[in-house]
Amino acid sequence: MSTGRVEIEYCRQCRFLLRAAWLAQELLTTFESELGEVALLPGQGGVFEVRLDGEVIFARSAAGRFPESKELKQLVRDGIAPGKPLGHSDRAAP
């Protein structure tokens, strides 16, 4: 059932669109049956924020960096499909 909604708000002034679009593609590919929508929202002021069903799960302003694909997949998985295995994205870093 496709019910989850992810929003990625990115700074258009900083040209963060490509990073946002790439992460959206990663999420849609990984959660093709769990996600109903991934929205890209243009913002400003250096914003890069990811929300799952309205709740912030990653904010560049708080972390001081962009999310890694692996960690974002884990955060989304924990919110919408806790039992879903993520294959290589579940392995600990060496």
N, C-alpha and C. Protein backbone atom coordinates (compact mmCIF):
# COMPACT_ATOMS: atom_id res chain seq x y z
N MET A 1 0.84 -1.18 0.00
CA MET A 1 0.00 0.00 0.00
C MET A 1 0.89 1.24 0.00
N SER A 2 0.70 2.14 -0.93
CA SER A 2 1.48 3.36 -1.05
C SER A 2 0.82 4.48 -0.26
N THR A 3 1.38 4.78 0.90
CA THR A 3 0.75 5.80 1.73
C THR A 3 1.69 6.89 2.20
N GLY A 4 2.97 6.60 2.31
CA GLY A 4 3.91 7.58 2.83
C GLY A 4 4.14 8.74 1.87
N ARG A 5 4.38 9.92 2.45
CA ARG A 5 4.68 11.10 1.65
C ARG A 5 5.96 11.73 2.16
N VAL A 6 6.91 11.88 1.26
CA VAL A 6 8.18 12.53 1.59
C VAL A 6 8.22 13.87 0.89
N GLU A 7 8.66 14.88 1.62
CA GLU A 7 8.90 16.21 1.05
C GLU A 7 10.38 16.51 1.21
N ILE A 8 11.00 16.96 0.14
CA ILE A 8 12.38 17.42 0.21
C ILE A 8 12.37 18.89 -0.17
N GLU A 9 12.60 19.73 0.82
CA GLU A 9 12.67 21.17 0.56
C GLU A 9 14.14 21.53 0.37
N TYR A 10 14.43 22.16 -0.76
CA TYR A 10 15.81 22.46 -1.14
C TYR A 10 15.94 23.94 -1.49
N CYS A 11 17.13 24.47 -1.33
CA CYS A 11 17.39 25.87 -1.67
C CYS A 11 17.65 25.99 -3.16
N ARG A 12 16.76 26.72 -3.83
CA ARG A 12 16.95 26.91 -5.27
C ARG A 12 18.09 27.88 -5.55
N GLN A 13 18.33 28.84 -4.65
CA GLN A 13 19.42 29.80 -4.82
C GLN A 13 20.79 29.11 -4.77
N CYS A 14 20.87 28.06 -3.94
CA CYS A 14 22.12 27.32 -3.76
C CYS A 14 22.28 26.20 -4.79
N ARG A 15 21.27 26.03 -5.60
CA ARG A 15 21.27 24.99 -6.65
C ARG A 15 21.33 23.58 -6.06
N PHE A 16 20.53 23.34 -5.02
CA PHE A 16 20.47 22.02 -4.39
C PHE A 16 19.47 21.09 -5.08
N LEU A 17 18.88 21.51 -6.19
CA LEU A 17 17.87 20.71 -6.86
C LEU A 17 18.38 19.34 -7.29
N LEU A 18 19.56 19.27 -7.87
CA LEU A 18 20.06 17.97 -8.35
C LEU A 18 20.22 16.98 -7.22
N ARG A 19 20.72 17.43 -6.07
CA ARG A 19 20.87 16.55 -4.91
C ARG A 19 19.49 16.09 -4.43
N ALA A 20 18.54 17.01 -4.38
CA ALA A 20 17.18 16.66 -3.94
C ALA A 20 16.54 15.66 -4.90
N ALA A 21 16.70 15.88 -6.19
CA ALA A 21 16.12 14.99 -7.19
C ALA A 21 16.75 13.60 -7.13
N TRP A 22 18.06 13.54 -6.92
CA TRP A 22 18.75 12.26 -6.82
C TRP A 22 18.25 11.49 -5.60
N LEU A 23 18.13 12.16 -4.45
CA LEU A 23 17.63 11.49 -3.26
C LEU A 23 16.18 11.04 -3.44
N ALA A 24 15.38 11.85 -4.12
CA ALA A 24 13.99 11.47 -4.41
C ALA A 24 13.95 10.19 -5.23
N GLN A 25 14.81 10.10 -6.24
CA GLN A 25 14.89 8.91 -7.08
C GLN A 25 15.31 7.69 -6.25
N GLU A 26 16.28 7.86 -5.39
CA GLU A 26 16.72 6.76 -4.52
C GLU A 26 15.58 6.25 -3.64
N LEU A 27 14.84 7.18 -3.06
CA LEU A 27 13.73 6.79 -2.19
C LEU A 27 12.60 6.12 -2.97
N LEU A 28 12.25 6.66 -4.13
CA LEU A 28 11.19 6.08 -4.94
C LEU A 28 11.55 4.68 -5.43
N THR A 29 12.82 4.47 -5.72
CA THR A 29 13.28 3.16 -6.18
C THR A 29 13.25 2.15 -5.03
N THR A 30 13.69 2.57 -3.86
CA THR A 30 13.76 1.67 -2.71
C THR A 30 12.39 1.37 -2.12
N PHE A 31 11.52 2.38 -2.09
CA PHE A 31 10.21 2.24 -1.46
C PHE A 31 9.08 2.37 -2.48
N GLU A 32 9.21 1.64 -3.58
CA GLU A 32 8.25 1.79 -4.68
C GLU A 32 6.82 1.41 -4.30
N SER A 33 6.65 0.50 -3.36
CA SER A 33 5.29 0.14 -2.97
C SER A 33 4.86 0.79 -1.64
N GLU A 34 5.79 1.39 -0.91
CA GLU A 34 5.46 2.00 0.37
C GLU A 34 5.22 3.51 0.30
N LEU A 35 5.82 4.17 -0.68
CA LEU A 35 5.66 5.62 -0.80
C LEU A 35 4.59 5.96 -1.82
N GLY A 36 3.73 6.87 -1.45
CA GLY A 36 2.72 7.35 -2.37
C GLY A 36 3.17 8.58 -3.13
N GLU A 37 4.15 9.30 -2.55
CA GLU A 37 4.57 10.55 -3.18
C GLU A 37 5.91 11.01 -2.61
N VAL A 38 6.72 11.60 -3.48
CA VAL A 38 7.90 12.34 -3.06
C VAL A 38 7.80 13.70 -3.74
N ALA A 39 7.74 14.74 -2.94
CA ALA A 39 7.58 16.09 -3.46
C ALA A 39 8.87 16.88 -3.29
N LEU A 40 9.24 17.61 -4.33
CA LEU A 40 10.38 18.52 -4.27
C LEU A 40 9.84 19.93 -4.12
N LEU A 41 10.24 20.59 -3.02
CA LEU A 41 9.72 21.92 -2.71
C LEU A 41 10.84 22.94 -2.78
N PRO A 42 10.78 23.88 -3.73
CA PRO A 42 11.82 24.91 -3.80
C PRO A 42 11.74 25.83 -2.59
N GLY A 43 12.89 26.11 -2.00
CA GLY A 43 12.97 27.02 -0.87
C GLY A 43 14.12 27.99 -1.09
N GLN A 44 14.55 28.59 -0.01
CA GLN A 44 15.66 29.54 -0.10
C GLN A 44 16.41 29.59 1.23
N GLY A 45 17.47 30.35 1.27
CA GLY A 45 18.22 30.53 2.50
C GLY A 45 19.05 29.33 2.92
N GLY A 46 19.46 28.48 1.96
CA GLY A 46 20.30 27.33 2.28
C GLY A 46 19.57 26.12 2.82
N VAL A 47 18.25 26.13 2.74
CA VAL A 47 17.46 25.03 3.31
C VAL A 47 17.69 23.72 2.54
N PHE A 48 17.77 22.64 3.31
CA PHE A 48 17.69 21.29 2.76
C PHE A 48 17.10 20.46 3.88
N GLU A 49 15.81 20.18 3.76
CA GLU A 49 15.07 19.53 4.83
C GLU A 49 14.22 18.42 4.25
N VAL A 50 14.21 17.28 4.92
CA VAL A 50 13.43 16.13 4.48
C VAL A 50 12.37 15.85 5.53
N ARG A 51 11.12 15.75 5.08
CA ARG A 51 10.00 15.46 5.97
C ARG A 51 9.30 14.18 5.50
N LEU A 52 8.88 13.39 6.47
CA LEU A 52 8.10 12.19 6.20
C LEU A 52 6.76 12.37 6.86
N ASP A 53 5.71 12.38 6.05
CA ASP A 53 4.35 12.60 6.55
C ASP A 53 4.27 13.82 7.47
N GLY A 54 4.96 14.89 7.06
CA GLY A 54 4.91 16.16 7.78
C GLY A 54 5.92 16.33 8.89
N GLU A 55 6.61 15.27 9.27
CA GLU A 55 7.58 15.33 10.36
C GLU A 55 9.00 15.42 9.81
N VAL A 56 9.78 16.37 10.31
CA VAL A 56 11.16 16.53 9.86
C VAL A 56 11.97 15.31 10.31
N ILE A 57 12.60 14.64 9.33
CA ILE A 57 13.46 13.51 9.67
C ILE A 57 14.93 13.84 9.43
N PHE A 58 15.20 14.89 8.65
CA PHE A 58 16.58 15.35 8.44
C PHE A 58 16.56 16.82 8.08
N ALA A 59 17.42 17.58 8.73
CA ALA A 59 17.56 19.00 8.43
C ALA A 59 19.05 19.33 8.32
N ARG A 60 19.44 19.86 7.19
CA ARG A 60 20.83 20.26 6.98
C ARG A 60 21.26 21.27 8.02
N SER A 61 20.36 22.16 8.41
CA SER A 61 20.70 23.19 9.39
C SER A 61 21.07 22.59 10.74
N ALA A 62 20.43 21.51 11.13
CA ALA A 62 20.71 20.87 12.42
C ALA A 62 21.94 19.96 12.33
N ALA A 63 22.08 19.24 11.21
CA ALA A 63 23.17 18.27 11.06
C ALA A 63 24.48 18.93 10.61
N GLY A 64 24.37 20.08 9.94
CA GLY A 64 25.56 20.73 9.42
C GLY A 64 26.11 20.08 8.17
N ARG A 65 25.30 19.25 7.53
CA ARG A 65 25.71 18.52 6.33
C ARG A 65 24.47 18.01 5.61
N PHE A 66 24.67 17.45 4.43
CA PHE A 66 23.59 16.81 3.69
C PHE A 66 23.43 15.37 4.17
N PRO A 67 22.24 14.79 3.99
CA PRO A 67 22.06 13.38 4.38
C PRO A 67 22.75 12.46 3.39
N GLU A 68 23.24 11.36 3.89
CA GLU A 68 23.74 10.29 3.04
C GLU A 68 22.53 9.50 2.56
N SER A 69 22.60 8.95 1.39
CA SER A 69 21.50 8.15 0.85
C SER A 69 21.13 7.02 1.81
N LYS A 70 22.14 6.34 2.32
CA LYS A 70 21.93 5.21 3.23
C LYS A 70 21.16 5.63 4.47
N GLU A 71 21.57 6.73 5.10
CA GLU A 71 20.90 7.13 6.34
C GLU A 71 19.48 7.62 6.07
N LEU A 72 19.27 8.28 4.94
CA LEU A 72 17.93 8.75 4.60
C LEU A 72 17.00 7.56 4.36
N LYS A 73 17.49 6.55 3.67
CA LYS A 73 16.69 5.34 3.45
C LYS A 73 16.33 4.68 4.77
N GLN A 74 17.27 4.64 5.69
CA GLN A 74 17.01 4.04 7.00
C GLN A 74 15.97 4.84 7.77
N LEU A 75 16.06 6.17 7.71
CA LEU A 75 15.10 7.02 8.41
C LEU A 75 13.69 6.85 7.84
N VAL A 76 13.59 6.81 6.52
CA VAL A 76 12.28 6.62 5.88
C VAL A 76 11.75 5.23 6.21
N ARG A 77 12.59 4.22 6.09
CA ARG A 77 12.20 2.85 6.40
C ARG A 77 11.66 2.74 7.82
N ASP A 78 12.37 3.34 8.77
CA ASP A 78 11.96 3.27 10.18
C ASP A 78 10.58 3.91 10.38
N GLY A 79 10.25 4.89 9.54
CA GLY A 79 8.97 5.57 9.67
C GLY A 79 7.80 4.90 8.97
N ILE A 80 8.05 4.22 7.85
CA ILE A 80 6.92 3.68 7.08
C ILE A 80 6.94 2.17 6.88
N ALA A 81 8.10 1.54 7.02
CA ALA A 81 8.18 0.09 6.78
C ALA A 81 9.27 -0.52 7.65
N PRO A 82 9.09 -0.51 8.98
CA PRO A 82 10.15 -0.94 9.90
C PRO A 82 10.74 -2.33 9.63
N GLY A 83 9.98 -3.23 9.07
CA GLY A 83 10.48 -4.58 8.83
C GLY A 83 11.18 -4.76 7.50
N LYS A 84 11.19 -3.74 6.67
CA LYS A 84 11.74 -3.87 5.32
C LYS A 84 13.28 -3.93 5.34
N PRO A 85 13.84 -4.98 4.76
CA PRO A 85 15.30 -5.04 4.67
C PRO A 85 15.79 -4.09 3.56
N LEU A 86 16.93 -3.46 3.80
CA LEU A 86 17.48 -2.52 2.82
C LEU A 86 18.72 -3.05 2.13
N GLY A 87 19.00 -4.32 2.27
CA GLY A 87 20.17 -4.90 1.60
C GLY A 87 21.45 -4.24 2.04
N HIS A 88 22.26 -3.79 1.08
CA HIS A 88 23.55 -3.20 1.40
C HIS A 88 23.44 -1.91 2.21
N SER A 89 22.31 -1.25 2.18
CA SER A 89 22.13 -0.03 2.97
C SER A 89 21.96 -0.33 4.45
N ASP A 90 21.75 -1.60 4.81
CA ASP A 90 21.62 -1.98 6.21
C ASP A 90 22.95 -2.38 6.83
N ARG A 91 23.94 -2.63 6.02
CA ARG A 91 25.24 -3.06 6.53
C ARG A 91 25.94 -1.90 7.20
N ALA A 92 26.64 -2.22 8.27
CA ALA A 92 27.43 -1.20 8.97
C ALA A 92 28.63 -0.82 8.12
N ALA A 93 29.05 0.41 8.24
CA ALA A 93 30.23 0.88 7.50
C ALA A 93 31.48 0.19 8.07
N PRO A 94 32.44 -0.14 7.20
CA PRO A 94 33.67 -0.82 7.67
C PRO A 94 34.53 0.10 8.50
